[in-house]
Amino acid sequence: MVAQVHVPIELLAHIVNYLGGDNATLRNLCLSSRAFHAVSYPLLFSARDFRALGCGYLAPFLPCVHEIRISWKPDMHRNGDAGVLARSLGPHLSAETTPRLQKLVIRGIGADGMAYLNTLVDAFKGFTSLTALHLNETGHRNMRDVQVLISALPRLQHLSLNALTWISPEHNKCPDGESEFLERPALKSLRVSPVYPSCMVPLLVWLGRTPSARTLETLEVPPSARIGPDAVPHFGPSVRHLSVPIRGLRPSALAKYTCLESLELYVGVDDFMMRQCARLPDLLAALPRPGALRALTLYLPFETAFSLPGSLDVFERVDDVLFGHRIQYDGSSGVPAPAAPSSGAAGENDELQGPFDALDEVKVVFQHTRALEERDRAEADWCQRLHMRKAGELGKMSVRFEWDASMMHAFVRGPGGLGRGMCL
């Protein structure tokens, strides 16, 4: 007789929660057993469009809603953004209706609609678990409207900003003596992907004067954003994870990042073509506290890296900056030679202490736009390890491949091999 195993309902709920928005799988689980139905059915309603708040048949499931999406649809073209929001969102937005609301996603709403949302600040203040706000391609009257909305969420910890724009530059400057909107937010993570730097830079200056400058732990600037150098200097002392393109980034911008544990650097096609990637070793050498760094990830465009002659030579310098104190090579034979002993030490088993000794892994990720053969992957792995021999011999290097359909490049693959002009 097969013994029956009774899994606690709390454990089932924790496991099923990882399915997130996979509604097809959640529907199948609902039909498998009463226990799975109990934990899966509420997740089907965890993310809802704001228009669903007024649907009577969904009322019993609104306490299960974790995410409300406010996005532009054709009905707003006929009736206006503010009119649709006033009819379908305003009367139903309350902490009693959706007590578990954690995330608010706003996309494509114009200035009138965003101005209406600012009239709901009293309702937003009642949400005790609302910690995430995403603003994507939204229009505003001025920067003050953005500040009002962000400051209205007392427990906001995660903020994502993409392609914000506003009509008037009236409130773009934050005078030193002005204290309005400086008490909040206290962010833990910030993702900035701007298309309009003229709007985003003043917003970053303001966020740098709020408690976020002391509480921010994660700062992400995707490689498509040309504002990386402008976003980095406003934060630093509390940031543990930084993800930023190297385009225009200067070593001095990293001077305040004393707690950095994870660093992701994106090297773009134009960085290789303009030889800007030569600054990569200087950026790493400029880290104020390299001993805190645990993980380093370098994203490279595959086609460009193996099309331009000598593109990967810079990684020999990167290897020296990271692990040059650990391994040295005989100039004639290329065989590892003992490193020079440090002064004053002397045990035979003593290891040299270097600034990056705490670094556990250097990950090189090649982003490609076409299907790669196994031979291409093997040659790229071998080539990268040839340029970073010390990291490979210390067992601290890994090479990955990642599909990136958005990456643009100007080089085509040559016949038989990685690409034209490959130079090892």
Protein backbone atom coordinates (compact mmCIF):
# COMPACT_ATOMS: atom_id res chain seq x y z
CA MET A 1 0.00 0.00 0.00
CA VAL A 2 1.39 3.37 -1.03
CA ALA A 3 1.78 5.77 1.87
CA GLN A 4 -0.04 9.08 1.46
CA VAL A 5 1.96 12.25 1.92
CA HIS A 6 0.09 15.26 3.21
CA VAL A 7 1.76 18.51 2.16
CA PRO A 8 0.80 21.55 4.26
CA ILE A 9 -1.40 24.00 2.38
CA GLU A 10 1.04 26.81 3.21
CA LEU A 11 3.84 24.94 1.43
CA LEU A 12 1.66 24.32 -1.62
CA ALA A 13 0.75 27.99 -1.75
CA HIS A 14 4.44 28.97 -1.58
CA ILE A 15 5.33 26.60 -4.44
CA VAL A 16 2.43 27.60 -6.69
CA ASN A 17 3.21 31.28 -6.15
CA TYR A 18 6.33 30.85 -8.31
CA LEU A 19 4.09 30.30 -11.36
CA GLY A 20 3.30 34.01 -11.33
CA GLY A 21 1.32 34.99 -14.42
CA ASP A 22 1.29 31.56 -16.08
CA ASN A 23 -2.50 31.43 -16.25
CA ALA A 24 -2.66 28.30 -18.41
CA THR A 25 -0.78 26.25 -15.81
CA LEU A 26 -2.79 27.79 -12.98
CA ARG A 27 -6.05 26.77 -14.70
CA ASN A 28 -4.80 23.19 -15.02
CA LEU A 29 -3.82 23.12 -11.35
CA CYS A 30 -7.28 24.34 -10.41
CA LEU A 31 -8.70 21.19 -12.00
CA SER A 32 -6.23 18.76 -10.45
CA SER A 33 -7.34 18.69 -6.80
CA ARG A 34 -9.20 20.66 -4.15
CA ALA A 35 -5.96 21.65 -2.47
CA PHE A 36 -4.40 22.98 -5.66
CA HIS A 37 -7.67 24.71 -6.53
CA ALA A 38 -7.61 26.54 -3.21
CA VAL A 39 -4.10 27.93 -3.73
CA SER A 40 -4.16 28.39 -7.54
CA TYR A 41 -7.54 30.00 -8.16
CA PRO A 42 -6.78 33.27 -6.34
CA LEU A 43 -3.56 33.69 -8.35
CA LEU A 44 -5.60 33.81 -11.55
CA PHE A 45 -6.90 37.16 -10.33
CA SER A 46 -3.67 38.52 -8.85
CA ALA A 47 -3.05 40.93 -11.76
CA ARG A 48 -6.07 42.84 -13.08
CA ASP A 49 -6.78 45.76 -15.37
CA PHE A 50 -8.37 48.66 -13.47
CA ARG A 51 -11.58 48.26 -15.52
CA ALA A 52 -12.19 44.96 -13.73
CA LEU A 53 -12.62 46.65 -10.35
CA GLY A 54 -16.20 47.58 -11.19
CA CYS A 55 -17.23 44.12 -12.42
CA GLY A 56 -19.65 42.63 -9.91
CA TYR A 57 -18.78 39.01 -10.64
CA LEU A 58 -15.13 39.68 -9.76
CA ALA A 59 -15.91 41.34 -6.42
CA PRO A 60 -15.25 38.17 -4.35
CA PHE A 61 -11.75 37.91 -5.85
CA LEU A 62 -10.61 41.52 -5.50
CA PRO A 63 -8.95 40.77 -2.12
CA CYS A 64 -6.62 38.48 -4.12
CA VAL A 65 -5.44 41.26 -6.42
CA HIS A 66 -1.73 42.04 -6.00
CA GLU A 67 -1.25 44.17 -9.13
CA ILE A 68 -3.44 46.77 -10.83
CA ARG A 69 -2.62 47.75 -14.41
CA ILE A 70 -3.70 51.16 -15.64
CA SER A 71 -3.07 51.21 -19.39
CA TRP A 72 -4.34 53.11 -22.39
CA LYS A 73 -7.03 51.44 -24.52
CA PRO A 74 -9.27 52.68 -27.37
CA ASP A 75 -12.09 53.61 -24.97
CA MET A 76 -9.82 56.40 -23.70
CA HIS A 77 -9.60 57.80 -27.21
CA ARG A 78 -13.36 58.28 -27.27
CA ASN A 79 -13.96 59.40 -23.69
CA GLY A 80 -10.57 60.77 -22.60
CA ASP A 81 -8.11 59.29 -20.13
CA ALA A 82 -9.46 61.19 -17.14
CA GLY A 83 -13.08 60.35 -17.95
CA VAL A 84 -12.49 56.60 -18.12
CA LEU A 85 -10.38 56.63 -14.95
CA ALA A 86 -13.02 58.64 -13.09
CA ARG A 87 -15.71 56.15 -14.09
CA SER A 88 -13.87 52.81 -13.69
CA LEU A 89 -11.11 53.45 -11.14
CA GLY A 90 -11.96 56.30 -8.80
CA PRO A 91 -15.14 54.86 -7.22
CA HIS A 92 -13.56 51.45 -6.58
CA LEU A 93 -10.00 52.29 -5.49
CA SER A 94 -9.66 51.71 -1.77
CA ALA A 95 -7.63 49.64 0.67
CA GLU A 96 -10.82 47.83 1.68
CA THR A 97 -11.52 46.68 -1.89
CA THR A 98 -7.98 45.48 -2.70
CA PRO A 99 -6.22 45.10 0.67
CA ARG A 100 -3.31 43.07 -0.78
CA LEU A 101 -2.36 45.46 -3.56
CA GLN A 102 1.43 45.48 -3.92
CA LYS A 103 2.15 46.83 -7.40
CA LEU A 104 0.75 49.63 -9.57
CA VAL A 105 1.63 49.60 -13.29
CA ILE A 106 0.72 52.69 -15.35
CA ARG A 107 1.35 52.65 -19.10
CA GLY A 108 0.55 55.08 -21.89
CA ILE A 109 -1.66 57.43 -19.87
CA GLY A 110 -1.61 61.09 -20.95
CA ALA A 111 -1.25 64.28 -18.94
CA ASP A 112 -4.98 64.62 -18.19
CA GLY A 113 -5.24 61.06 -16.93
CA MET A 114 -2.12 61.37 -14.76
CA ALA A 115 -3.45 64.64 -13.35
CA TYR A 116 -6.64 62.80 -12.36
CA LEU A 117 -4.59 60.09 -10.62
CA ASN A 118 -3.04 62.80 -8.50
CA THR A 119 -6.50 63.60 -7.15
CA LEU A 120 -6.59 60.05 -5.70
CA VAL A 121 -3.58 60.54 -3.43
CA ASP A 122 -5.69 60.14 -0.30
CA ALA A 123 -6.85 56.72 -1.52
CA PHE A 124 -3.26 55.67 -2.32
CA LYS A 125 -2.11 56.56 1.20
CA GLY A 126 -4.37 53.86 2.64
CA PHE A 127 -2.58 50.97 0.92
CA THR A 128 -0.20 49.48 3.49
CA SER A 129 1.32 46.88 1.15
CA LEU A 130 1.69 48.96 -2.04
CA THR A 131 5.47 48.99 -2.49
CA ALA A 132 6.05 49.01 -6.29
CA LEU A 133 5.24 51.61 -8.94
CA HIS A 134 5.95 51.33 -12.68
CA LEU A 135 5.54 54.39 -14.90
CA ASN A 136 5.91 53.47 -18.55
CA GLU A 137 5.46 55.96 -21.42
CA THR A 138 3.34 58.29 -19.34
CA GLY A 139 2.74 61.98 -20.03
CA HIS A 140 2.53 64.67 -17.34
CA ARG A 141 1.90 68.40 -17.13
CA ASN A 142 5.18 68.99 -15.27
CA MET A 143 7.63 67.27 -12.94
CA ARG A 144 5.59 68.28 -9.92
CA ASP A 145 2.82 65.90 -11.02
CA VAL A 146 5.31 63.02 -10.93
CA GLN A 147 6.56 64.06 -7.50
CA VAL A 148 3.01 64.22 -6.12
CA LEU A 149 2.22 60.68 -7.30
CA ILE A 150 5.47 59.15 -6.05
CA SER A 151 5.29 60.92 -2.70
CA ALA A 152 1.67 59.80 -2.22
CA LEU A 153 2.80 56.19 -1.73
CA PRO A 154 4.16 56.12 1.84
CA ARG A 155 5.65 52.61 1.58
CA LEU A 156 7.06 52.80 -1.93
CA GLN A 157 10.28 50.77 -2.21
CA HIS A 158 10.56 49.79 -5.88
CA LEU A 159 10.28 52.35 -8.68
CA SER A 160 10.58 51.83 -12.44
CA LEU A 161 10.63 54.82 -14.79
CA ASN A 162 10.55 54.52 -18.57
CA ALA A 163 10.03 57.20 -21.21
CA LEU A 164 8.41 59.79 -18.97
CA THR A 165 7.75 63.20 -20.47
CA TRP A 166 5.98 66.37 -19.46
CA ILE A 167 4.78 69.52 -21.12
CA SER A 168 6.15 72.34 -18.97
CA PRO A 169 9.68 72.63 -17.51
CA GLU A 170 8.30 74.94 -14.81
CA HIS A 171 9.15 72.71 -11.82
CA ASN A 172 12.29 71.03 -13.20
CA LYS A 173 14.61 72.69 -10.69
CA CYS A 174 14.73 71.81 -7.00
CA PRO A 175 16.17 74.79 -5.08
CA ASP A 176 18.39 73.87 -2.14
CA GLY A 177 16.17 75.70 0.32
CA GLU A 178 12.99 73.96 -0.82
CA SER A 179 11.90 71.06 1.41
CA GLU A 180 8.71 69.99 -0.38
CA PHE A 181 8.71 66.34 -1.54
CA LEU A 182 12.02 65.59 0.22
CA GLU A 183 10.65 63.29 2.95
CA ARG A 184 9.76 60.48 0.52
CA PRO A 185 10.43 58.11 -1.10
CA ALA A 186 12.94 55.79 0.59
CA LEU A 187 13.53 53.44 -2.31
CA LYS A 188 15.28 50.08 -2.25
CA SER A 189 15.39 49.59 -6.02
CA LEU A 190 15.27 51.98 -8.96
CA ARG A 191 15.14 51.13 -12.66
CA VAL A 192 15.62 54.03 -15.06
CA SER A 193 15.11 53.57 -18.80
CA PRO A 194 14.59 57.06 -20.18
CA VAL A 195 14.00 58.24 -23.70
CA TYR A 196 13.81 61.93 -22.80
CA PRO A 197 16.88 62.90 -20.73
CA SER A 198 15.64 66.50 -20.44
CA CYS A 199 12.84 65.19 -18.24
CA MET A 200 14.63 62.33 -16.50
CA VAL A 201 17.73 64.18 -15.30
CA PRO A 202 15.80 66.67 -13.10
CA LEU A 203 13.82 63.75 -11.67
CA LEU A 204 17.03 61.93 -10.74
CA VAL A 205 18.40 65.09 -9.12
CA TRP A 206 15.28 65.21 -6.96
CA LEU A 207 15.45 61.51 -6.03
CA GLY A 208 19.10 62.03 -5.08
CA ARG A 209 17.98 64.54 -2.45
CA THR A 210 15.33 62.27 -0.91
CA PRO A 211 16.01 59.44 1.60
CA SER A 212 16.51 57.18 -1.44
CA ALA A 213 20.08 58.46 -1.65
CA ARG A 214 20.76 56.62 1.64
CA THR A 215 18.45 53.60 1.26
CA LEU A 216 18.78 52.56 -2.40
CA GLU A 217 20.23 49.05 -2.76
CA THR A 218 19.68 48.32 -6.46
CA LEU A 219 20.14 50.70 -9.38
CA GLU A 220 19.47 49.45 -12.91
CA VAL A 221 20.02 51.40 -16.10
CA PRO A 222 19.38 49.14 -19.14
CA PRO A 223 21.83 49.24 -22.06
CA SER A 224 19.30 50.97 -24.32
CA ALA A 225 19.21 54.01 -22.03
CA ARG A 226 21.69 56.76 -22.86
CA ILE A 227 21.50 58.24 -19.39
CA GLY A 228 23.72 55.90 -17.43
CA PRO A 229 26.39 58.52 -16.65
CA ASP A 230 23.68 60.90 -15.39
CA ALA A 231 21.95 58.36 -13.14
CA VAL A 232 25.00 56.96 -11.36
CA PRO A 233 26.43 60.01 -9.52
CA HIS A 234 23.21 60.77 -7.59
CA PHE A 235 23.39 57.55 -5.56
CA GLY A 236 26.09 55.26 -4.25
CA PRO A 237 26.81 54.76 -0.52
CA SER A 238 24.03 52.20 0.05
CA VAL A 239 23.90 50.58 -3.42
CA ARG A 240 24.79 46.89 -3.42
CA HIS A 241 23.80 45.99 -6.99
CA LEU A 242 24.57 48.26 -9.96
CA SER A 243 23.66 47.51 -13.57
CA VAL A 244 24.70 50.15 -16.10
CA PRO A 245 26.09 50.56 -19.63
CA ILE A 246 29.67 51.83 -19.84
CA ARG A 247 28.72 54.36 -22.53
CA GLY A 248 29.92 57.72 -21.25
CA LEU A 249 30.58 56.37 -17.75
CA ARG A 250 33.62 57.89 -16.08
CA PRO A 251 35.59 56.31 -13.22
CA SER A 252 34.89 59.31 -10.98
CA ALA A 253 31.14 58.55 -11.13
CA LEU A 254 31.73 55.39 -9.05
CA ALA A 255 33.53 57.19 -6.23
CA LYS A 256 30.60 56.88 -3.78
CA TYR A 257 29.83 53.19 -4.39
CA THR A 258 31.51 51.82 -1.29
CA CYS A 259 29.12 48.90 -0.62
CA LEU A 260 28.94 47.45 -4.13
CA GLU A 261 28.62 43.66 -4.07
CA SER A 262 27.33 42.97 -7.60
CA LEU A 263 28.25 44.91 -10.75
CA GLU A 264 26.83 44.45 -14.26
CA LEU A 265 28.44 46.41 -17.09
CA TYR A 266 27.03 46.50 -20.62
CA VAL A 267 29.47 47.03 -23.47
CA GLY A 268 27.60 48.15 -26.58
CA VAL A 269 28.35 47.93 -30.27
CA ASP A 270 29.33 51.60 -30.42
CA ASP A 271 31.66 51.09 -27.44
CA PHE A 272 33.65 48.58 -29.47
CA MET A 273 33.57 50.60 -32.67
CA MET A 274 34.68 53.82 -30.92
CA ARG A 275 37.16 51.92 -28.73
CA GLN A 276 35.39 53.18 -25.62
CA CYS A 277 35.62 49.68 -24.15
CA ALA A 278 39.29 50.47 -23.44
CA ARG A 279 38.03 52.33 -20.35
CA LEU A 280 36.69 49.12 -18.83
CA PRO A 281 39.86 48.32 -16.78
CA ASP A 282 39.94 51.91 -15.49
CA LEU A 283 36.33 51.68 -14.33
CA LEU A 284 37.09 48.53 -12.33
CA ALA A 285 40.30 49.93 -10.91
CA ALA A 286 38.41 53.04 -9.74
CA LEU A 287 36.00 51.15 -7.47
CA PRO A 288 36.50 52.69 -4.00
CA ARG A 289 36.05 49.39 -2.16
CA PRO A 290 36.80 46.47 -4.50
CA GLY A 291 37.05 44.05 -1.58
CA ALA A 292 33.26 44.15 -1.20
CA LEU A 293 32.59 43.03 -4.78
CA ARG A 294 31.35 39.44 -5.01
CA ALA A 295 30.06 39.15 -8.59
CA LEU A 296 31.03 40.87 -11.84
CA THR A 297 29.05 40.40 -15.06
CA LEU A 298 30.13 41.78 -18.43
CA TYR A 299 27.63 41.84 -21.29
CA LEU A 300 29.17 41.90 -24.79
CA PRO A 301 27.62 41.95 -28.31
CA PHE A 302 28.72 38.63 -29.81
CA GLU A 303 28.84 39.58 -33.48
CA THR A 304 30.77 42.81 -32.90
CA ALA A 305 33.21 41.31 -30.39
CA PHE A 306 34.33 38.73 -32.96
CA SER A 307 34.19 40.96 -36.04
CA LEU A 308 36.44 43.87 -35.10
CA PRO A 309 40.15 42.93 -34.94
CA GLY A 310 41.57 43.14 -31.43
CA SER A 311 38.21 43.81 -29.80
CA LEU A 312 38.87 41.41 -26.93
CA ASP A 313 42.42 42.54 -26.16
CA VAL A 314 41.10 44.88 -23.47
CA PHE A 315 40.14 41.87 -21.37
CA GLU A 316 43.78 41.02 -20.79
CA ARG A 317 44.02 44.31 -18.91
CA VAL A 318 40.77 43.53 -17.10
CA ASP A 319 42.29 40.19 -16.08
CA ASP A 320 45.38 41.95 -14.73
CA VAL A 321 43.33 44.47 -12.75
CA LEU A 322 41.27 41.72 -11.13
CA PHE A 323 43.80 38.93 -10.58
CA GLY A 324 47.24 40.21 -11.60
CA HIS A 325 48.46 39.95 -8.01
CA ARG A 326 47.54 36.26 -7.84
CA ILE A 327 49.19 34.85 -10.96
CA GLN A 328 52.11 36.06 -13.07
CA TYR A 329 53.42 34.52 -16.27
CA ASP A 330 56.93 33.91 -17.51
CA GLY A 331 57.44 36.29 -20.42
CA SER A 332 59.12 33.76 -22.72
CA SER A 333 57.19 30.57 -22.07
CA GLY A 334 53.78 31.84 -20.95
CA VAL A 335 53.89 29.39 -18.04
CA PRO A 336 52.53 30.62 -14.68
CA ALA A 337 55.36 31.81 -12.45
CA PRO A 338 55.32 32.37 -8.70
CA ALA A 339 54.16 35.85 -7.75
CA ALA A 340 56.63 38.08 -5.98
CA PRO A 341 56.31 37.69 -2.20
CA SER A 342 54.91 40.60 -0.28
CA SER A 343 57.17 42.46 2.12
CA GLY A 344 57.11 41.36 5.70
CA ALA A 345 55.31 38.10 5.21
CA ALA A 346 56.49 34.80 5.17
CA GLY A 347 54.71 31.63 5.42
CA GLU A 348 55.08 29.42 2.42
CA ASN A 349 51.31 28.91 2.24
CA ASP A 350 50.47 32.57 2.64
CA GLU A 351 48.45 33.93 -0.28
CA LEU A 352 48.92 37.40 -1.68
CA GLN A 353 46.18 39.76 -0.68
CA GLY A 354 44.66 41.76 -3.49
CA PRO A 355 41.81 44.25 -3.85
CA PHE A 356 39.49 41.78 -5.62
CA ASP A 357 40.20 38.69 -3.51
CA ALA A 358 36.54 38.46 -2.43
CA LEU A 359 35.34 38.26 -6.06
CA ASP A 360 33.64 34.87 -6.47
CA GLU A 361 32.77 34.95 -10.16
CA VAL A 362 33.45 36.89 -13.34
CA LYS A 363 30.67 36.14 -15.79
CA VAL A 364 31.00 37.09 -19.45
CA VAL A 365 27.68 37.05 -21.30
CA PHE A 366 27.73 37.18 -25.09
CA GLN A 367 24.49 38.60 -26.43
CA HIS A 368 23.67 37.28 -29.88
CA THR A 369 20.98 37.93 -32.47
CA ARG A 370 21.15 34.66 -34.39
CA ALA A 371 21.18 31.00 -33.52
CA LEU A 372 24.68 29.90 -32.57
CA GLU A 373 26.16 26.56 -33.45
CA GLU A 374 27.93 24.58 -30.78
CA ARG A 375 31.23 25.25 -32.56
CA ASP A 376 30.67 29.01 -32.29
CA ARG A 377 29.98 28.74 -28.58
CA ALA A 378 33.06 26.58 -27.98
CA GLU A 379 35.34 28.93 -29.92
CA ALA A 380 33.97 32.00 -28.12
CA ASP A 381 34.45 30.32 -24.74
CA TRP A 382 38.03 29.33 -25.61
CA CYS A 383 38.84 32.79 -27.00
CA GLN A 384 37.54 34.61 -23.92
CA ARG A 385 39.43 32.30 -21.57
CA LEU A 386 42.58 32.92 -23.61
CA HIS A 387 42.26 36.64 -22.92
CA MET A 388 41.40 36.15 -19.24
CA ARG A 389 43.76 33.32 -18.32
CA LYS A 390 44.14 34.23 -14.67
CA ALA A 391 40.41 34.26 -14.03
CA GLY A 392 40.08 30.89 -15.77
CA GLU A 393 42.91 29.23 -13.88
CA LEU A 394 41.53 30.45 -10.57
CA GLY A 395 38.15 28.91 -11.46
CA LYS A 396 36.39 32.25 -11.19
CA MET A 397 35.29 32.71 -14.78
CA SER A 398 32.19 31.57 -16.65
CA VAL A 399 31.00 32.26 -20.20
CA ARG A 400 27.31 32.43 -21.06
CA PHE A 401 25.28 33.13 -24.17
CA GLU A 402 22.08 35.14 -24.18
CA TRP A 403 19.60 35.87 -26.96
CA ASP A 404 19.05 39.59 -27.51
CA ALA A 405 16.71 40.41 -30.37
CA SER A 406 16.88 44.14 -29.61
CA MET A 407 20.63 44.40 -30.13
CA MET A 408 21.68 46.08 -33.37
CA HIS A 409 24.97 45.43 -35.10
CA ALA A 410 26.58 46.31 -38.39
CA PHE A 411 28.52 43.15 -39.07
CA VAL A 412 27.41 39.92 -40.70
CA ARG A 413 28.79 36.53 -39.99
CA GLY A 414 31.62 35.46 -42.25
CA PRO A 415 31.87 31.99 -43.78
CA GLY A 416 33.05 29.24 -41.48
CA GLY A 417 33.82 30.57 -38.04
CA LEU A 418 32.87 33.24 -35.57
CA GLY A 419 32.94 36.17 -37.94
CA ARG A 420 35.01 38.25 -40.30
CA GLY A 421 38.20 39.72 -39.03
CA MET A 422 38.37 37.67 -35.84
CA CYS A 423 41.71 38.26 -34.20
CA LEU A 424 42.83 36.21 -31.21
